[in-house]
Amino acid sequence: MSERIVFLYVTADKFETAKTIAKALLEDRLCACVNIFQNIYSLYHWQGKIEESPEVVMIVKTRGSLAERATERIKELHTYTCPCVAKLEVEILFKPYKEWLLAETRG
């Protein structure tokens, strides 16, 4: 069976945090690409209150077999005590893109 591709959906407090995490994941070959979306506004329950804050969203593109290691690395570098890291299974992916992603990550 061929390697599954997953995207990790991650939120962070600011662009600099996301960029630090992204560079570490790329240097460790735990992903092939990270998209960072700025100007996201989040509302959420935290410690008994409804909170609001600006955030950034990261989409980390990686192998399914690397998702746990990438998640651990994200938690090591993250500023949040409880970061959102959600694994999204990719059902359809352009074959040349998948081949590139596999070539750029640790097998």
C-alpha atoms as a PDB file:
ATOM      1  CA  MET A   1       0.000   0.000   0.000  1.00  0.00           C
ATOM      2  CA  SER A   2       1.361   3.404  -0.876  1.00  0.00           C
ATOM      3  CA  GLU A   3       2.194   6.045   1.705  1.00  0.00           C
ATOM      4  CA  ARG A   4      -0.784   8.121   2.844  1.00  0.00           C
ATOM      5  CA  ILE A   5      -0.497  11.894   2.714  1.00  0.00           C
ATOM      6  CA  VAL A   6      -1.926  13.998   5.536  1.00  0.00           C
ATOM      7  CA  PHE A   7      -2.241  17.676   6.246  1.00  0.00           C
ATOM      8  CA  LEU A   8      -1.851  18.915   9.798  1.00  0.00           C
ATOM      9  CA  TYR A   9      -4.066  21.864  10.679  1.00  0.00           C
ATOM     10  CA  VAL A  10      -2.306  23.936  13.359  1.00  0.00           C
ATOM     11  CA  THR A  11      -3.169  27.265  14.968  1.00  0.00           C
ATOM     12  CA  ALA A  12      -0.589  29.604  16.501  1.00  0.00           C
ATOM     13  CA  ASP A  13      -0.561  32.955  18.275  1.00  0.00           C
ATOM     14  CA  LYS A  14       1.411  34.884  15.664  1.00  0.00           C
ATOM     15  CA  PHE A  15       3.280  34.658  12.379  1.00  0.00           C
ATOM     16  CA  GLU A  16       6.714  34.428  14.018  1.00  0.00           C
ATOM     17  CA  THR A  17       5.692  31.363  16.049  1.00  0.00           C
ATOM     18  CA  ALA A  18       4.289  29.669  12.960  1.00  0.00           C
ATOM     19  CA  LYS A  19       7.380  30.491  10.915  1.00  0.00           C
ATOM     20  CA  THR A  20       9.695  29.080  13.605  1.00  0.00           C
ATOM     21  CA  ILE A  21       7.686  25.852  13.720  1.00  0.00           C
ATOM     22  CA  ALA A  22       7.522  25.635   9.921  1.00  0.00           C
ATOM     23  CA  LYS A  23      11.277  26.078   9.477  1.00  0.00           C
ATOM     24  CA  ALA A  24      12.046  23.428  12.121  1.00  0.00           C
ATOM     25  CA  LEU A  25       9.688  20.921  10.477  1.00  0.00           C
ATOM     26  CA  LEU A  26      11.216  21.599   7.069  1.00  0.00           C
ATOM     27  CA  GLU A  27      14.794  21.357   8.361  1.00  0.00           C
ATOM     28  CA  ASP A  28      13.969  18.039  10.051  1.00  0.00           C
ATOM     29  CA  ARG A  29      12.321  16.795   6.812  1.00  0.00           C
ATOM     30  CA  LEU A  30       9.096  16.167   8.736  1.00  0.00           C
ATOM     31  CA  CYS A  31       7.102  17.943   6.041  1.00  0.00           C
ATOM     32  CA  ALA A  32       7.488  19.173   2.492  1.00  0.00           C
ATOM     33  CA  CYS A  33       5.546  22.436   2.752  1.00  0.00           C
ATOM     34  CA  VAL A  34       3.800  24.674   5.272  1.00  0.00           C
ATOM     35  CA  ASN A  35       1.184  27.262   4.369  1.00  0.00           C
ATOM     36  CA  ILE A  36       0.696  30.060   6.896  1.00  0.00           C
ATOM     37  CA  PHE A  37      -2.551  32.030   6.830  1.00  0.00           C
ATOM     38  CA  GLN A  38      -2.519  35.316   8.721  1.00  0.00           C
ATOM     39  CA  ASN A  39      -5.349  37.505  10.026  1.00  0.00           C
ATOM     40  CA  ILE A  40      -7.495  34.695  11.418  1.00  0.00           C
ATOM     41  CA  TYR A  41      -9.756  35.643  14.315  1.00  0.00           C
ATOM     42  CA  SER A  42     -10.699  32.933  16.806  1.00  0.00           C
ATOM     43  CA  LEU A  43     -13.375  32.716  19.477  1.00  0.00           C
ATOM     44  CA  TYR A  44     -13.103  29.789  21.890  1.00  0.00           C
ATOM     45  CA  HIS A  45     -13.758  28.473  25.367  1.00  0.00           C
ATOM     46  CA  TRP A  46     -10.703  28.659  27.628  1.00  0.00           C
ATOM     47  CA  GLN A  47     -10.580  28.172  31.386  1.00  0.00           C
ATOM     48  CA  GLY A  48     -14.286  28.795  31.898  1.00  0.00           C
ATOM     49  CA  LYS A  49     -14.574  31.897  29.706  1.00  0.00           C
ATOM     50  CA  ILE A  50     -15.207  32.713  26.082  1.00  0.00           C
ATOM     51  CA  GLU A  51     -12.002  34.197  24.700  1.00  0.00           C
ATOM     52  CA  GLU A  52     -11.231  36.031  21.459  1.00  0.00           C
ATOM     53  CA  SER A  53      -7.853  36.504  19.828  1.00  0.00           C
ATOM     54  CA  PRO A  54      -6.076  36.915  16.521  1.00  0.00           C
ATOM     55  CA  GLU A  55      -4.274  33.790  15.351  1.00  0.00           C
ATOM     56  CA  VAL A  56      -2.553  32.299  12.349  1.00  0.00           C
ATOM     57  CA  VAL A  57      -3.321  28.943  10.780  1.00  0.00           C
ATOM     58  CA  MET A  58      -0.706  26.563   9.450  1.00  0.00           C
ATOM     59  CA  ILE A  59      -1.300  23.697   7.040  1.00  0.00           C
ATOM     60  CA  VAL A  60       1.597  21.256   7.293  1.00  0.00           C
ATOM     61  CA  LYS A  61       1.834  18.850   4.340  1.00  0.00           C
ATOM     62  CA  THR A  62       3.445  15.536   5.231  1.00  0.00           C
ATOM     63  CA  ARG A  63       3.423  11.738   5.131  1.00  0.00           C
ATOM     64  CA  GLY A  64       1.005   9.881   7.364  1.00  0.00           C
ATOM     65  CA  SER A  65       3.960   8.010   8.848  1.00  0.00           C
ATOM     66  CA  LEU A  66       5.539  11.318   9.960  1.00  0.00           C
ATOM     67  CA  ALA A  67       2.421  12.882  11.496  1.00  0.00           C
ATOM     68  CA  GLU A  68       3.155  11.817  15.081  1.00  0.00           C
ATOM     69  CA  ARG A  69       6.782  12.989  14.975  1.00  0.00           C
ATOM     70  CA  ALA A  70       5.727  16.267  13.360  1.00  0.00           C
ATOM     71  CA  THR A  71       3.065  16.731  16.054  1.00  0.00           C
ATOM     72  CA  GLU A  72       5.626  16.156  18.808  1.00  0.00           C
ATOM     73  CA  ARG A  73       7.984  18.698  17.229  1.00  0.00           C
ATOM     74  CA  ILE A  74       5.146  21.215  16.934  1.00  0.00           C
ATOM     75  CA  LYS A  75       4.299  20.768  20.629  1.00  0.00           C
ATOM     76  CA  GLU A  76       7.985  21.258  21.584  1.00  0.00           C
ATOM     77  CA  LEU A  77       8.155  24.619  19.782  1.00  0.00           C
ATOM     78  CA  HIS A  78       4.630  25.923  20.339  1.00  0.00           C
ATOM     79  CA  THR A  79       3.808  28.803  22.674  1.00  0.00           C
ATOM     80  CA  TYR A  80       0.377  27.393  23.621  1.00  0.00           C
ATOM     81  CA  THR A  81      -0.049  24.921  26.462  1.00  0.00           C
ATOM     82  CA  CYS A  82      -2.809  23.214  24.462  1.00  0.00           C
ATOM     83  CA  PRO A  83      -2.133  23.759  20.733  1.00  0.00           C
ATOM     84  CA  CYS A  84      -4.600  22.683  18.069  1.00  0.00           C
ATOM     85  CA  VAL A  85      -2.951  20.046  15.888  1.00  0.00           C
ATOM     86  CA  ALA A  86      -5.480  18.133  13.782  1.00  0.00           C
ATOM     87  CA  LYS A  87      -4.587  15.467  11.225  1.00  0.00           C
ATOM     88  CA  LEU A  88      -6.610  15.664   8.013  1.00  0.00           C
ATOM     89  CA  GLU A  89      -6.528  12.653   5.693  1.00  0.00           C
ATOM     90  CA  VAL A  90      -5.985  13.560   2.033  1.00  0.00           C
ATOM     91  CA  GLU A  91      -8.160  11.474  -0.285  1.00  0.00           C
ATOM     92  CA  ILE A  92      -7.162  12.886  -3.667  1.00  0.00           C
ATOM     93  CA  LEU A  93      -3.822  14.473  -4.531  1.00  0.00           C
ATOM     94  CA  PHE A  94      -2.282  15.362  -7.886  1.00  0.00           C
ATOM     95  CA  LYS A  95       0.241  12.551  -8.520  1.00  0.00           C
ATOM     96  CA  PRO A  96       3.252  14.774  -9.376  1.00  0.00           C
ATOM     97  CA  TYR A  97       2.617  16.785  -6.190  1.00  0.00           C
ATOM     98  CA  LYS A  98       2.477  13.613  -4.115  1.00  0.00           C
ATOM     99  CA  GLU A  99       5.729  12.388  -5.663  1.00  0.00           C
ATOM    100  CA  TRP A 100       7.392  15.723  -4.847  1.00  0.00           C
ATOM    101  CA  LEU A 101       6.093  15.619  -1.257  1.00  0.00           C
ATOM    102  CA  LEU A 102       7.397  12.083  -0.750  1.00  0.00           C
ATOM    103  CA  ALA A 103      10.796  13.020  -2.213  1.00  0.00           C
ATOM    104  CA  GLU A 104      11.132  15.997   0.147  1.00  0.00           C
ATOM    105  CA  THR A 105      10.306  14.157   3.385  1.00  0.00           C
ATOM    106  CA  ARG A 106      11.952  11.371   5.359  1.00  0.00           C
ATOM    107  CA  GLY A 107      10.704   7.950   4.293  1.00  0.00           C
END
